[in-house]
C-alpha atoms as a PDB file:
ATOM      1  CA  UNK A   1      -0.004  -0.010   0.017  1.00  0.00           C
ATOM      2  CA  UNK A   2       1.195   3.496  -0.742  1.00  0.00           C
ATOM      3  CA  UNK A   3       1.543   6.145   1.990  1.00  0.00           C
ATOM      4  CA  UNK A   4      -1.683   6.785   3.925  1.00  0.00           C
ATOM      5  CA  UNK A   5      -3.515   9.820   2.576  1.00  0.00           C
ATOM      6  CA  UNK A   6      -3.237  12.935   4.617  1.00  0.00           C
ATOM      7  CA  UNK A   7      -6.623  14.560   3.842  1.00  0.00           C
ATOM      8  CA  UNK A   8     -10.239  13.311   3.989  1.00  0.00           C
ATOM      9  CA  UNK A   9     -10.482  13.859   0.163  1.00  0.00           C
ATOM     10  CA  UNK A  10      -7.300  11.758  -0.352  1.00  0.00           C
ATOM     11  CA  UNK A  11      -8.530   9.018   2.008  1.00  0.00           C
ATOM     12  CA  UNK A  12     -11.829   8.592   0.150  1.00  0.00           C
ATOM     13  CA  UNK A  13     -10.175   8.746  -3.252  1.00  0.00           C
ATOM     14  CA  UNK A  14      -7.689   6.080  -2.180  1.00  0.00           C
ATOM     15  CA  UNK A  15     -10.520   3.969  -0.777  1.00  0.00           C
ATOM     16  CA  UNK A  16     -12.527   4.108  -4.033  1.00  0.00           C
ATOM     17  CA  UNK A  17      -9.426   3.423  -6.116  1.00  0.00           C
ATOM     18  CA  UNK A  18      -8.624   0.386  -3.974  1.00  0.00           C
ATOM     19  CA  UNK A  19     -12.123  -0.966  -4.388  1.00  0.00           C
ATOM     20  CA  UNK A  20     -11.973  -0.383  -8.119  1.00  0.00           C
ATOM     21  CA  UNK A  21      -8.683  -2.208  -8.359  1.00  0.00           C
ATOM     22  CA  UNK A  22      -9.872  -5.251  -6.434  1.00  0.00           C
ATOM     23  CA  UNK A  23      -7.598  -4.443  -3.437  1.00  0.00           C
ATOM     24  CA  UNK A  24     -10.224  -5.181  -0.753  1.00  0.00           C
ATOM     25  CA  UNK A  25      -7.834  -5.616   2.128  1.00  0.00           C
ATOM     26  CA  UNK A  26      -6.295  -2.243   1.353  1.00  0.00           C
ATOM     27  CA  UNK A  27      -9.757  -0.628   1.027  1.00  0.00           C
ATOM     28  CA  UNK A  28     -10.876  -2.120   4.359  1.00  0.00           C
ATOM     29  CA  UNK A  29      -7.708  -0.824   6.046  1.00  0.00           C
ATOM     30  CA  UNK A  30      -9.080   2.681   5.448  1.00  0.00           C
ATOM     31  CA  UNK A  31     -12.412   2.178   7.301  1.00  0.00           C
ATOM     32  CA  UNK A  32     -12.996   2.229  11.023  1.00  0.00           C
ATOM     33  CA  UNK A  33     -13.603  -1.063  12.802  1.00  0.00           C
ATOM     34  CA  UNK A  34     -17.186  -0.023  13.493  1.00  0.00           C
ATOM     35  CA  UNK A  35     -17.711   1.803  10.167  1.00  0.00           C
ATOM     36  CA  UNK A  36     -21.337   2.166   9.051  1.00  0.00           C
ATOM     37  CA  UNK A  37     -21.971   1.377   5.400  1.00  0.00           C
ATOM     38  CA  UNK A  38     -25.419   2.705   4.482  1.00  0.00           C
ATOM     39  CA  UNK A  39     -26.428   1.625   1.031  1.00  0.00           C
ATOM     40  CA  UNK A  40     -29.532   3.784   1.372  1.00  0.00           C
ATOM     41  CA  UNK A  41     -32.046   1.985  -0.908  1.00  0.00           C
ATOM     42  CA  UNK A  42     -30.920  -1.423   0.294  1.00  0.00           C
ATOM     43  CA  UNK A  43     -29.924  -1.061   3.925  1.00  0.00           C
ATOM     44  CA  UNK A  44     -26.980  -0.615   6.306  1.00  0.00           C
ATOM     45  CA  UNK A  45     -24.325  -2.756   7.825  1.00  0.00           C
ATOM     46  CA  UNK A  46     -21.803  -2.135  10.517  1.00  0.00           C
ATOM     47  CA  UNK A  47     -18.128  -3.071  10.775  1.00  0.00           C
ATOM     48  CA  UNK A  48     -15.402  -4.246   8.467  1.00  0.00           C
ATOM     49  CA  UNK A  49     -16.590  -7.841   8.405  1.00  0.00           C
ATOM     50  CA  UNK A  50     -20.199  -7.024   7.366  1.00  0.00           C
ATOM     51  CA  UNK A  51     -18.870  -4.476   4.798  1.00  0.00           C
ATOM     52  CA  UNK A  52     -16.563  -7.154   3.322  1.00  0.00           C
ATOM     53  CA  UNK A  53     -19.400  -9.666   3.226  1.00  0.00           C
ATOM     54  CA  UNK A  54     -21.836  -7.237   1.568  1.00  0.00           C
ATOM     55  CA  UNK A  55     -19.305  -6.084  -1.070  1.00  0.00           C
ATOM     56  CA  UNK A  56     -17.818  -9.428  -1.814  1.00  0.00           C
ATOM     57  CA  UNK A  57     -21.205 -10.991  -2.692  1.00  0.00           C
ATOM     58  CA  UNK A  58     -22.006  -8.420  -5.325  1.00  0.00           C
ATOM     59  CA  UNK A  59     -18.485  -7.744  -6.577  1.00  0.00           C
ATOM     60  CA  UNK A  60     -17.801 -11.468  -7.096  1.00  0.00           C
ATOM     61  CA  UNK A  61     -20.283 -11.293  -9.962  1.00  0.00           C
ATOM     62  CA  UNK A  62     -18.311  -8.504 -11.666  1.00  0.00           C
ATOM     63  CA  UNK A  63     -15.396  -8.972 -13.978  1.00  0.00           C
ATOM     64  CA  UNK A  64     -14.422  -5.274 -13.717  1.00  0.00           C
ATOM     65  CA  UNK A  65     -15.439  -2.243 -11.633  1.00  0.00           C
ATOM     66  CA  UNK A  66     -15.047   1.509 -12.327  1.00  0.00           C
ATOM     67  CA  UNK A  67     -15.945   4.053  -9.689  1.00  0.00           C
ATOM     68  CA  UNK A  68     -15.814   7.381 -11.501  1.00  0.00           C
ATOM     69  CA  UNK A  69     -16.078  10.472  -9.323  1.00  0.00           C
ATOM     70  CA  UNK A  70     -17.319  13.483 -11.387  1.00  0.00           C
ATOM     71  CA  UNK A  71     -17.351  15.977  -8.558  1.00  0.00           C
ATOM     72  CA  UNK A  72     -15.954  15.693  -5.030  1.00  0.00           C
ATOM     73  CA  UNK A  73     -15.845  18.175  -2.205  1.00  0.00           C
ATOM     74  CA  UNK A  74     -14.478  17.842   1.265  1.00  0.00           C
ATOM     75  CA  UNK A  75     -14.129  19.744   4.485  1.00  0.00           C
ATOM     76  CA  UNK A  76     -12.306  19.225   7.768  1.00  0.00           C
ATOM     77  CA  UNK A  77      -9.268  17.075   8.424  1.00  0.00           C
ATOM     78  CA  UNK A  78      -8.453  13.433   9.268  1.00  0.00           C
ATOM     79  CA  UNK A  79      -9.622  13.984  12.866  1.00  0.00           C
ATOM     80  CA  UNK A  80     -13.066  14.872  11.560  1.00  0.00           C
ATOM     81  CA  UNK A  81     -13.867  15.458   7.941  1.00  0.00           C
ATOM     82  CA  UNK A  82     -16.667  15.090   5.427  1.00  0.00           C
ATOM     83  CA  UNK A  83     -16.368  14.130   1.773  1.00  0.00           C
ATOM     84  CA  UNK A  84     -19.260  14.195  -0.729  1.00  0.00           C
ATOM     85  CA  UNK A  85     -19.093  13.021  -4.254  1.00  0.00           C
ATOM     86  CA  UNK A  86     -21.155  12.442  -7.343  1.00  0.00           C
ATOM     87  CA  UNK A  87     -20.124   9.292  -9.181  1.00  0.00           C
ATOM     88  CA  UNK A  88     -20.957   6.868 -11.877  1.00  0.00           C
ATOM     89  CA  UNK A  89     -20.276   3.356 -10.657  1.00  0.00           C
ATOM     90  CA  UNK A  90     -19.809   0.974 -13.510  1.00  0.00           C
ATOM     91  CA  UNK A  91     -19.877  -2.835 -13.142  1.00  0.00           C
ATOM     92  CA  UNK A  92     -19.025  -5.319 -15.875  1.00  0.00           C
ATOM     93  CA  UNK A  93     -21.324  -8.348 -15.477  1.00  0.00           C
ATOM     94  CA  UNK A  94     -21.540 -11.109 -18.026  1.00  0.00           C
ATOM     95  CA  UNK A  95     -19.506  -9.119 -20.539  1.00  0.00           C
ATOM     96  CA  UNK A  96     -21.647  -5.941 -20.380  1.00  0.00           C
ATOM     97  CA  UNK A  97     -21.353  -2.772 -18.445  1.00  0.00           C
ATOM     98  CA  UNK A  98     -24.068  -1.672 -16.053  1.00  0.00           C
ATOM     99  CA  UNK A  99     -23.964   1.934 -14.803  1.00  0.00           C
ATOM    100  CA  UNK A 100     -25.278   3.442 -11.591  1.00  0.00           C
ATOM    101  CA  UNK A 101     -25.459   7.115 -10.752  1.00  0.00           C
ATOM    102  CA  UNK A 102     -24.492   7.616  -7.129  1.00  0.00           C
ATOM    103  CA  UNK A 103     -24.256  10.396  -4.617  1.00  0.00           C
ATOM    104  CA  UNK A 104     -21.789   9.440  -1.814  1.00  0.00           C
ATOM    105  CA  UNK A 105     -21.265  10.818   1.651  1.00  0.00           C
ATOM    106  CA  UNK A 106     -18.232   9.818   3.757  1.00  0.00           C
ATOM    107  CA  UNK A 107     -17.476  10.882   7.291  1.00  0.00           C
ATOM    108  CA  UNK A 108     -13.875  10.590   8.356  1.00  0.00           C
ATOM    109  CA  UNK A 109     -13.029  10.266  12.035  1.00  0.00           C
ATOM    110  CA  UNK A 110      -9.635   9.718  13.567  1.00  0.00           C
ATOM    111  CA  UNK A 111      -7.987   8.928  10.253  1.00  0.00           C
ATOM    112  CA  UNK A 112     -10.496   6.383   9.003  1.00  0.00           C
ATOM    113  CA  UNK A 113     -13.852   6.284   7.167  1.00  0.00           C
ATOM    114  CA  UNK A 114     -16.456   6.046   9.940  1.00  0.00           C
ATOM    115  CA  UNK A 115     -19.541   6.391   7.734  1.00  0.00           C
ATOM    116  CA  UNK A 116     -19.996   5.537   4.069  1.00  0.00           C
ATOM    117  CA  UNK A 117     -23.459   6.345   2.673  1.00  0.00           C
ATOM    118  CA  UNK A 118     -24.385   5.923  -1.009  1.00  0.00           C
ATOM    119  CA  UNK A 119     -27.665   7.200  -2.493  1.00  0.00           C
ATOM    120  CA  UNK A 120     -28.911   5.812  -5.793  1.00  0.00           C
ATOM    121  CA  UNK A 121     -32.069   4.830  -7.582  1.00  0.00           C
ATOM    122  CA  UNK A 122     -32.456   1.122  -6.967  1.00  0.00           C
ATOM    123  CA  UNK A 123     -35.224   0.635  -9.511  1.00  0.00           C
ATOM    124  CA  UNK A 124     -33.134   2.293 -12.237  1.00  0.00           C
ATOM    125  CA  UNK A 125     -30.203   0.011 -11.365  1.00  0.00           C
ATOM    126  CA  UNK A 126     -32.486  -3.079 -11.535  1.00  0.00           C
ATOM    127  CA  UNK A 127     -33.795  -1.973 -14.925  1.00  0.00           C
ATOM    128  CA  UNK A 128     -30.241  -1.520 -16.115  1.00  0.00           C
ATOM    129  CA  UNK A 129     -29.264  -5.012 -14.985  1.00  0.00           C
ATOM    130  CA  UNK A 130     -32.328  -6.517 -16.621  1.00  0.00           C
ATOM    131  CA  UNK A 131     -31.929  -4.598 -19.932  1.00  0.00           C
ATOM    132  CA  UNK A 132     -28.916  -6.563 -20.983  1.00  0.00           C
END
């Protein structure tokens, strides 16, 4: 792993890049032990173990992942910071790309992601999956 990021913005960017590059251990090293992952239209889980279980189930069906942040803003520092982004998350499933427009909120506390909340339209994502 490269040097740990020194800003909330850098931490979240590194986290997303790690997920995208299939470096789950590295991504999980950037979240707090009791991190809340709130996938708003689906539900929330708590802790690294539940986050890993939630992500691995879905991502195992993907042959590639792209998490493209179009806009990202942040405030604060690694003690307490907030990062918000607007993304297109792309997943290659069965040789086709499925896209999902996402608004993400991350709260950084004591150098780790303590809250990761993604907002997206679940019905639009289901239609996109079914369309191919």
